[in-house]
Amino acid sequence: MDEMDDLALEEEMEVERYDFSEIFTYLNVEAGIIIISAAVGICANLYVVCAASVSLKNNVVNAYVLQRALAHLVFLMCAPILASHIILRSWPFGDALCKMTAGFVHISGYADIVLMVAMCVDGHKAFDVYSIDTRLRDSKIAAAICWVIATIMGAPTFGLFGTLDGPEGASFCTVVGFSAIVSIITNGSLLLLVIAFLVSWALLPGMFPPQSAQRRELSDEALVARRLIVALVVSFSLINLPFVLPRLYSIVGGSFTTALFQALHLTAVLPYLSSAVDPIIYIVLRRSLASPLAATHTRGVEITYVNLMPEL
């Protein structure tokens, strides 16, 4: 999301003092990673959408996996356009597409983060006595609320972004609205990521409850699903933490240097990388459940999906 913000209005005068010949190399690398992530991620997320939809009525985890895959698809669909903007050093697509791209990138990015937290909340409570019907109903409500929150947070970017004329007839898709609102949105995005880190990791221990009369023995499907959520949280944290740190430094540090500018651009690709890695994690763990080794331990349980609901 922040590759479109770039703190453009606040640092424009400061960065003019630097020689950007070396930074163009970083920008080309950034564009290349975005394109590769989009190509891999779109294919992987389309597979996940199909796979999760098949078993949507039988388990709850796939309800969240499906929603996150849809958010990833929207996010990655905009990636080739943004990569073209970086490579061409100009925006030839018009003002309307600039606004639409900025809006959908932010909304889908927020939805991905909020849905990750919602999936961890569901995974935490799944080990209590909850019926599958209740959790399926709650997952639909939670997914709808997540998309509403993401839309409310991202909708202002439709009006804040637009095209500006640059030198030699070039135009750029950048912030044209109030800088104060842009600062609020940027800081809000970072705050949302930090909250997602803290909440997700705080909920993980609850997925490893002690055995008691009130708890149920975990099925093989539940164990695989738990590994899925843990793997997604770890991946989400490892990839997005380097994305957050230089942006937090740019806010609290006060000094804007060439090294910081390079760090901001290099880490700007991490959300695209995350959107490509997450579906691959799901595909690998889903296949591990359906492997012959797992099949010898399923005790006749259907293994075409992962189900976090402990076995009765």
Protein backbone atom coordinates (compact mmCIF):
# COMPACT_ATOMS: atom_id res chain seq x y z
CA MET A 1 0.00 0.00 0.00
CA ASP A 2 2.75 2.46 0.95
CA GLU A 3 4.50 2.22 -2.42
CA MET A 4 1.71 4.52 -3.62
CA ASP A 5 1.97 6.83 -0.62
CA ASP A 6 5.78 7.10 -0.41
CA LEU A 7 5.37 10.09 1.84
CA ALA A 8 5.61 12.02 -1.43
CA LEU A 9 4.33 15.37 -0.30
CA GLU A 10 6.36 15.58 2.89
CA GLU A 11 9.76 14.50 1.53
CA GLU A 12 9.71 15.93 -1.97
CA MET A 13 11.95 18.91 -1.21
CA GLU A 14 14.29 16.79 0.91
CA VAL A 15 14.96 14.02 -1.60
CA GLU A 16 15.76 16.45 -4.41
CA ARG A 17 19.23 16.83 -2.89
CA TYR A 18 20.17 13.23 -3.64
CA ASP A 19 21.46 11.52 -6.74
CA PHE A 20 18.86 8.93 -7.70
CA SER A 21 20.85 7.17 -10.44
CA GLU A 22 21.51 4.20 -8.13
CA ILE A 23 17.95 4.22 -6.81
CA PHE A 24 16.59 3.54 -10.31
CA THR A 25 18.20 0.09 -10.02
CA TYR A 26 16.28 -0.50 -6.80
CA LEU A 27 13.08 0.62 -8.50
CA ASN A 28 13.59 -1.84 -11.36
CA VAL A 29 14.21 -4.66 -8.86
CA GLU A 30 11.05 -3.61 -7.02
CA ALA A 31 9.01 -3.74 -10.22
CA GLY A 32 10.43 -7.15 -11.13
CA ILE A 33 9.57 -8.67 -7.75
CA ILE A 34 6.06 -7.21 -7.94
CA ILE A 35 5.47 -8.75 -11.39
CA ILE A 36 6.80 -12.18 -10.35
CA SER A 37 4.75 -12.13 -7.14
CA ALA A 38 1.66 -11.18 -9.11
CA ALA A 39 2.15 -13.97 -11.67
CA VAL A 40 2.71 -16.65 -9.01
CA GLY A 41 0.19 -15.25 -6.56
CA ILE A 42 -2.71 -14.91 -8.98
CA CYS A 43 -2.35 -18.53 -10.12
CA ALA A 44 -1.94 -19.84 -6.56
CA ASN A 45 -4.84 -17.83 -5.18
CA LEU A 46 -7.15 -18.93 -8.00
CA TYR A 47 -6.35 -22.53 -7.09
CA VAL A 48 -7.03 -21.79 -3.41
CA VAL A 49 -10.38 -20.16 -4.26
CA CYS A 50 -11.45 -23.30 -6.13
CA ALA A 51 -10.13 -25.69 -3.46
CA ALA A 52 -11.58 -23.78 -0.51
CA SER A 53 -14.96 -23.35 -2.20
CA VAL A 54 -15.38 -27.11 -2.63
CA SER A 55 -15.25 -27.79 1.11
CA LEU A 56 -16.67 -24.47 2.29
CA LYS A 57 -19.77 -26.08 3.84
CA ASN A 58 -17.76 -28.66 5.76
CA ASN A 59 -15.27 -26.53 7.69
CA VAL A 60 -14.64 -23.03 8.97
CA VAL A 61 -10.97 -22.50 8.19
CA ASN A 62 -11.64 -22.56 4.46
CA ALA A 63 -14.21 -19.78 4.89
CA TYR A 64 -11.44 -17.44 6.03
CA VAL A 65 -8.91 -18.87 3.59
CA LEU A 66 -11.36 -18.19 0.75
CA GLN A 67 -11.94 -14.59 1.80
CA ARG A 68 -8.23 -13.92 2.16
CA ALA A 69 -7.56 -15.48 -1.25
CA LEU A 70 -10.14 -13.14 -2.79
CA ALA A 71 -8.47 -10.17 -1.09
CA HIS A 72 -5.09 -11.35 -2.40
CA LEU A 73 -6.49 -11.61 -5.92
CA VAL A 74 -7.83 -8.06 -5.89
CA PHE A 75 -4.52 -6.84 -4.45
CA LEU A 76 -2.40 -8.68 -7.03
CA MET A 77 -4.61 -7.73 -9.98
CA CYS A 78 -3.42 -4.15 -9.46
CA ALA A 79 0.24 -5.17 -9.27
CA PRO A 80 1.09 -5.13 -13.02
CA ILE A 81 -0.29 -1.60 -13.33
CA LEU A 82 1.79 -0.39 -10.39
CA ALA A 83 4.88 -2.16 -11.75
CA SER A 84 4.36 -0.40 -15.08
CA HIS A 85 4.19 2.91 -13.24
CA ILE A 86 7.58 2.17 -11.67
CA ILE A 87 9.23 0.98 -14.89
CA LEU A 88 7.88 3.78 -17.11
CA ARG A 89 8.48 6.46 -14.46
CA SER A 90 5.12 7.79 -15.58
CA TRP A 91 1.39 7.02 -15.34
CA PRO A 92 -0.18 6.63 -18.82
CA PHE A 93 -3.44 5.04 -17.62
CA GLY A 94 -5.49 8.11 -16.77
CA ASP A 95 -6.89 9.66 -13.61
CA ALA A 96 -9.84 7.25 -13.19
CA LEU A 97 -7.67 4.14 -13.18
CA CYS A 98 -5.25 5.84 -10.78
CA LYS A 99 -8.05 6.39 -8.26
CA MET A 100 -9.46 2.87 -8.74
CA THR A 101 -6.05 1.23 -8.35
CA ALA A 102 -5.23 3.15 -5.18
CA GLY A 103 -8.64 2.43 -3.68
CA PHE A 104 -8.72 -1.29 -4.40
CA VAL A 105 -5.10 -1.81 -3.30
CA HIS A 106 -5.81 -0.25 0.08
CA ILE A 107 -9.19 -1.95 0.62
CA SER A 108 -7.89 -5.41 -0.26
CA GLY A 109 -4.77 -4.88 1.83
CA TYR A 110 -6.83 -3.90 4.87
CA ALA A 111 -9.18 -6.85 4.31
CA ASP A 112 -6.26 -9.28 4.26
CA ILE A 113 -4.97 -7.99 7.60
CA VAL A 114 -8.35 -7.95 9.36
CA LEU A 115 -9.28 -11.40 8.05
CA MET A 116 -6.01 -12.79 9.38
CA VAL A 117 -6.95 -11.59 12.86
CA ALA A 118 -10.50 -12.97 12.49
CA MET A 119 -9.13 -16.39 11.48
CA CYS A 120 -6.89 -16.45 14.56
CA VAL A 121 -9.84 -15.54 16.79
CA ASP A 122 -11.85 -18.40 15.31
CA GLY A 123 -8.92 -20.79 15.68
CA HIS A 124 -8.58 -19.81 19.33
CA LYS A 125 -12.23 -20.44 20.21
CA ALA A 126 -12.47 -23.60 18.09
CA PHE A 127 -10.94 -25.66 20.90
CA ASP A 128 -13.82 -24.82 23.20
CA VAL A 129 -17.22 -26.47 22.88
CA TYR A 130 -18.46 -24.78 19.72
CA SER A 131 -20.69 -26.43 17.16
CA ILE A 132 -19.61 -26.37 13.53
CA ASP A 133 -22.88 -24.69 12.55
CA THR A 134 -22.30 -21.89 15.04
CA ARG A 135 -18.77 -21.29 13.79
CA LEU A 136 -19.84 -21.36 10.16
CA ARG A 137 -22.50 -18.76 10.90
CA ASP A 138 -20.04 -16.63 12.88
CA SER A 139 -17.45 -16.88 10.10
CA LYS A 140 -19.88 -15.41 7.57
CA ILE A 141 -20.71 -12.54 9.91
CA ALA A 142 -17.03 -11.97 10.72
CA ALA A 143 -16.04 -11.97 7.04
CA ALA A 144 -18.74 -9.42 6.21
CA ILE A 145 -17.62 -7.20 9.10
CA CYS A 146 -13.99 -7.46 7.98
CA TRP A 147 -14.84 -6.31 4.45
CA VAL A 148 -16.96 -3.44 5.82
CA ILE A 149 -14.07 -2.29 8.02
CA ALA A 150 -11.61 -2.56 5.12
CA THR A 151 -13.93 -0.62 2.82
CA ILE A 152 -14.44 2.16 5.37
CA MET A 153 -10.69 2.47 5.91
CA GLY A 154 -9.75 2.30 2.23
CA ALA A 155 -12.59 4.26 0.61
CA PRO A 156 -11.01 7.71 1.25
CA THR A 157 -8.06 6.78 -0.98
CA PHE A 158 -10.35 6.91 -4.03
CA GLY A 159 -10.49 10.66 -3.56
CA LEU A 160 -7.00 11.27 -2.21
CA PHE A 161 -5.13 9.88 -5.21
CA GLY A 162 -5.02 11.27 -8.73
CA THR A 163 -2.70 12.17 -11.58
CA LEU A 164 -0.30 15.11 -11.56
CA ASP A 165 1.62 16.43 -14.56
CA GLY A 166 5.37 16.13 -14.30
CA PRO A 167 8.37 17.20 -16.40
CA GLU A 168 8.67 16.33 -20.10
CA GLY A 169 4.98 15.55 -20.41
CA ALA A 170 5.02 12.73 -17.87
CA SER A 171 2.20 12.25 -15.39
CA PHE A 172 2.20 10.50 -12.04
CA CYS A 173 -0.38 8.69 -9.91
CA THR A 174 0.16 10.16 -6.49
CA VAL A 175 -1.47 11.90 -3.55
CA VAL A 176 -3.47 14.97 -4.56
CA GLY A 177 -5.64 15.29 -1.45
CA PHE A 178 -4.99 16.71 1.99
CA SER A 179 -1.62 15.66 3.38
CA ALA A 180 -3.05 15.46 6.92
CA ILE A 181 -5.58 12.82 5.83
CA VAL A 182 -2.84 10.92 3.98
CA SER A 183 -0.75 10.92 7.14
CA ILE A 184 -3.70 9.56 9.14
CA ILE A 185 -4.27 6.77 6.59
CA THR A 186 -0.57 5.87 6.47
CA ASN A 187 -0.24 5.81 10.25
CA GLY A 188 -3.53 3.89 10.50
CA SER A 189 -2.21 1.23 8.13
CA LEU A 190 0.92 0.75 10.21
CA LEU A 191 -1.11 0.68 13.43
CA LEU A 192 -3.41 -1.96 11.95
CA LEU A 193 -0.42 -4.14 11.03
CA VAL A 194 1.08 -3.79 14.50
CA ILE A 195 -2.27 -4.71 16.09
CA ALA A 196 -2.52 -7.72 13.77
CA PHE A 197 0.95 -8.88 14.86
CA LEU A 198 0.15 -8.55 18.55
CA VAL A 199 -3.33 -10.08 18.45
CA SER A 200 -2.33 -13.01 16.22
CA TRP A 201 0.61 -14.00 18.40
CA ALA A 202 -1.40 -13.48 21.57
CA LEU A 203 -4.07 -15.90 20.33
CA LEU A 204 -1.69 -18.65 19.16
CA PRO A 205 -1.08 -20.15 22.64
CA GLY A 206 -4.84 -20.74 22.96
CA MET A 207 -4.61 -23.15 20.03
CA PHE A 208 -2.44 -25.45 22.18
CA PRO A 209 -4.77 -25.96 25.16
CA PRO A 210 -4.06 -28.39 28.00
CA GLN A 211 -6.06 -31.59 27.99
CA SER A 212 -9.15 -31.43 30.21
CA ALA A 213 -12.65 -32.80 30.42
CA GLN A 214 -13.97 -29.69 28.72
CA ARG A 215 -11.58 -29.99 25.77
CA ARG A 216 -11.88 -32.44 22.93
CA GLU A 217 -9.21 -34.66 21.44
CA LEU A 218 -7.86 -33.20 18.22
CA SER A 219 -8.48 -34.99 14.96
CA ASP A 220 -5.82 -35.21 12.25
CA GLU A 221 -7.68 -32.54 10.28
CA ALA A 222 -7.64 -30.22 13.29
CA LEU A 223 -3.90 -30.69 13.75
CA VAL A 224 -3.22 -29.84 10.09
CA ALA A 225 -5.51 -26.82 10.31
CA ARG A 226 -3.71 -25.63 13.41
CA ARG A 227 -0.39 -25.96 11.59
CA LEU A 228 -1.92 -23.96 8.74
CA ILE A 229 -2.89 -21.05 10.99
CA VAL A 230 0.46 -21.09 12.80
CA ALA A 231 2.32 -21.15 9.47
CA LEU A 232 0.23 -18.26 8.11
CA VAL A 233 0.83 -16.16 11.23
CA VAL A 234 4.58 -16.82 11.14
CA SER A 235 4.78 -16.04 7.42
CA PHE A 236 2.63 -12.93 7.83
CA SER A 237 4.89 -11.65 10.62
CA LEU A 238 8.24 -12.47 9.01
CA ILE A 239 7.32 -10.86 5.70
CA ASN A 240 5.45 -7.80 6.96
CA LEU A 241 7.67 -6.89 9.92
CA PRO A 242 10.47 -5.57 7.65
CA PHE A 243 7.74 -3.65 5.82
CA VAL A 244 6.63 -1.94 9.03
CA LEU A 245 9.98 -1.10 10.64
CA PRO A 246 11.40 1.42 8.11
CA ARG A 247 8.01 3.13 7.90
CA LEU A 248 7.84 3.48 11.65
CA TYR A 249 11.38 4.87 11.59
CA SER A 250 10.44 7.38 8.89
CA ILE A 251 7.65 8.62 11.15
CA VAL A 252 9.50 8.81 14.48
CA GLY A 253 13.09 9.25 13.24
CA GLY A 254 12.59 12.52 11.46
CA SER A 255 15.62 12.20 9.12
CA PHE A 256 15.03 11.18 5.51
CA THR A 257 18.10 9.73 3.79
CA THR A 258 18.87 7.89 0.59
CA ALA A 259 19.27 4.65 2.56
CA LEU A 260 15.82 5.10 4.07
CA PHE A 261 14.37 5.87 0.65
CA GLN A 262 15.91 2.65 -0.68
CA ALA A 263 14.60 0.67 2.30
CA LEU A 264 11.08 2.04 1.78
CA HIS A 265 11.06 1.00 -1.86
CA LEU A 266 12.65 -2.41 -1.38
CA THR A 267 10.28 -3.35 1.43
CA ALA A 268 7.28 -1.98 -0.50
CA VAL A 269 7.20 -5.28 -2.43
CA LEU A 270 6.71 -7.39 0.71
CA PRO A 271 2.88 -7.19 0.79
CA TYR A 272 2.86 -8.57 -2.78
CA LEU A 273 5.27 -11.32 -1.76
CA SER A 274 3.05 -12.15 1.22
CA SER A 275 -0.01 -12.41 -1.03
CA ALA A 276 1.86 -14.96 -3.16
CA VAL A 277 3.34 -16.98 -0.27
CA ASP A 278 0.13 -17.45 1.75
CA PRO A 279 -1.74 -19.53 -0.87
CA ILE A 280 1.36 -21.67 -1.42
CA ILE A 281 1.41 -22.46 2.32
CA TYR A 282 -2.24 -23.50 2.12
CA ILE A 283 -1.63 -25.67 -0.95
CA VAL A 284 1.35 -27.45 0.65
CA LEU A 285 -0.44 -28.18 3.93
CA ARG A 286 -3.64 -29.21 2.17
CA ARG A 287 -1.67 -31.70 0.09
CA SER A 288 0.12 -32.99 3.20
CA LEU A 289 -3.26 -33.87 4.68
CA ALA A 290 -4.19 -35.82 1.57
CA SER A 291 -0.83 -37.64 1.39
CA PRO A 292 -0.65 -41.43 1.86
CA LEU A 293 1.15 -40.94 5.19
CA ALA A 294 -1.67 -38.77 6.55
CA ALA A 295 -4.24 -41.17 5.13
CA THR A 296 -2.96 -43.96 7.39
CA HIS A 297 -3.90 -41.90 10.45
CA THR A 298 -7.29 -40.50 9.49
CA ARG A 299 -9.32 -43.39 10.84
CA GLY A 300 -11.74 -43.18 7.92
CA VAL A 301 -12.25 -39.40 8.21
CA GLU A 302 -12.76 -37.51 4.94
CA ILE A 303 -9.43 -35.87 4.10
CA THR A 304 -10.25 -33.63 1.16
CA TYR A 305 -10.24 -30.57 3.40
CA VAL A 306 -8.78 -29.24 6.62
CA ASN A 307 -11.15 -28.72 9.53
CA LEU A 308 -10.20 -26.96 12.73
CA MET A 309 -13.26 -28.32 14.56
CA PRO A 310 -11.99 -30.98 17.01
CA GLU A 311 -13.39 -34.42 16.52
CA LEU A 312 -16.22 -35.50 18.88
